Amino acid sequence: MDDLGAISKKPIAIPNKKYGWSVRSIFLGDINQDGTFNSHLTEGQQRILVEYRDMTNNTAEARINIVFPYRLDVKIRDISDKEA
């Protein structure tokens, strides 16, 4: 028998049209509806809100820290010799 009021956690597939993504301020960056965050050229802390569209006020909020990268590795590969 299940406990009444028990919290169940289920993974969700992303992107999912039942979830809407938003940010509190577009100054630091914006978010696509697939949940991908794109930062702008400013450091700071961004609040991200996700809402389940089938149930009003069923939301979750998180914060991410946006910082300048310490190092950026770029690898270049020649693919011109590959057959089409």
Protein backbone atom coordinates (compact mmCIF):
# COMPACT_ATOMS: atom_id res chain seq x y z
CA MET A 1 0.00 0.00 0.00
CA ASP A 2 1.35 3.44 -0.96
CA ASP A 3 1.78 6.11 1.70
CA LEU A 4 -0.68 8.94 1.26
CA GLY A 5 1.14 12.19 0.66
CA ALA A 6 4.35 10.45 -0.36
CA ILE A 7 6.46 12.32 -2.87
CA SER A 8 7.23 10.47 -6.06
CA LYS A 9 10.03 11.57 -8.35
CA LYS A 10 9.91 10.68 -12.03
CA PRO A 11 12.38 11.68 -14.74
CA ILE A 12 10.97 13.82 -17.54
CA ALA A 13 12.09 13.82 -21.14
CA ILE A 14 13.42 17.19 -22.26
CA PRO A 15 12.30 18.92 -24.44
CA ASN A 16 8.69 18.46 -23.40
CA LYS A 17 5.85 20.75 -24.50
CA LYS A 18 4.14 20.33 -21.13
CA TYR A 19 6.89 22.41 -19.46
CA GLY A 20 7.50 26.11 -19.95
CA TRP A 21 10.90 27.64 -19.21
CA SER A 22 11.59 31.26 -18.28
CA VAL A 23 14.18 33.47 -16.62
CA ARG A 24 13.59 36.30 -14.18
CA SER A 25 15.79 38.73 -16.12
CA ILE A 26 17.00 38.63 -19.72
CA PHE A 27 19.99 40.82 -18.74
CA LEU A 28 22.16 37.78 -17.89
CA GLY A 29 20.83 35.41 -20.53
CA ASP A 30 17.81 33.71 -22.00
CA ILE A 31 16.39 30.21 -22.06
CA ASN A 32 14.99 28.16 -24.92
CA GLN A 33 11.87 26.08 -24.51
CA ASP A 34 14.01 22.92 -24.58
CA GLY A 35 15.60 24.07 -21.30
CA THR A 36 18.89 25.24 -22.83
CA PHE A 37 20.25 28.41 -21.19
CA ASN A 38 22.26 30.91 -23.25
CA SER A 39 24.33 33.37 -21.24
CA HIS A 40 25.15 36.89 -22.33
CA LEU A 41 28.44 38.68 -21.68
CA THR A 42 27.72 39.43 -18.02
CA GLU A 43 28.62 37.52 -14.87
CA GLY A 44 26.03 37.00 -12.16
CA GLN A 45 23.41 34.66 -10.79
CA GLN A 46 20.40 33.80 -12.95
CA ARG A 47 17.10 32.42 -11.67
CA ILE A 48 15.43 29.86 -13.95
CA LEU A 49 11.78 28.92 -13.58
CA VAL A 50 10.10 25.84 -15.07
CA GLU A 51 6.33 25.45 -14.99
CA TYR A 52 4.19 22.38 -15.65
CA ARG A 53 1.55 23.72 -18.04
CA ASP A 54 -1.11 21.10 -17.23
CA MET A 55 -1.27 22.16 -13.57
CA THR A 56 -1.41 25.85 -12.63
CA ASN A 57 1.25 27.03 -10.17
CA ASN A 58 3.19 23.74 -10.32
CA THR A 59 6.63 25.31 -10.67
CA ALA A 60 10.25 24.75 -9.76
CA GLU A 61 12.99 27.34 -9.57
CA ALA A 62 16.78 27.04 -9.67
CA ARG A 63 19.73 29.40 -9.80
CA ILE A 64 22.88 29.13 -11.84
CA ASN A 65 26.08 31.13 -11.51
CA ILE A 66 27.38 32.68 -14.70
CA VAL A 67 31.13 33.25 -14.74
CA PHE A 68 33.79 33.97 -17.33
CA PRO A 69 35.55 30.75 -18.41
CA TYR A 70 38.95 29.96 -16.96
CA ARG A 71 39.98 28.11 -20.11
CA LEU A 72 38.42 27.25 -23.43
CA ASP A 73 39.61 24.22 -25.41
CA VAL A 74 38.86 24.11 -29.13
CA LYS A 75 39.65 21.11 -31.29
CA ILE A 76 39.66 21.41 -35.07
CA ARG A 77 39.31 18.31 -37.20
CA ASP A 78 39.69 18.03 -40.97
CA ILE A 79 36.66 16.28 -42.43
CA SER A 80 37.24 17.24 -46.08
CA ASP A 81 38.69 13.81 -47.00
CA LYS A 82 35.57 11.90 -45.94
CA GLU A 83 33.31 10.47 -48.63
CA ALA A 84 29.81 11.90 -48.91
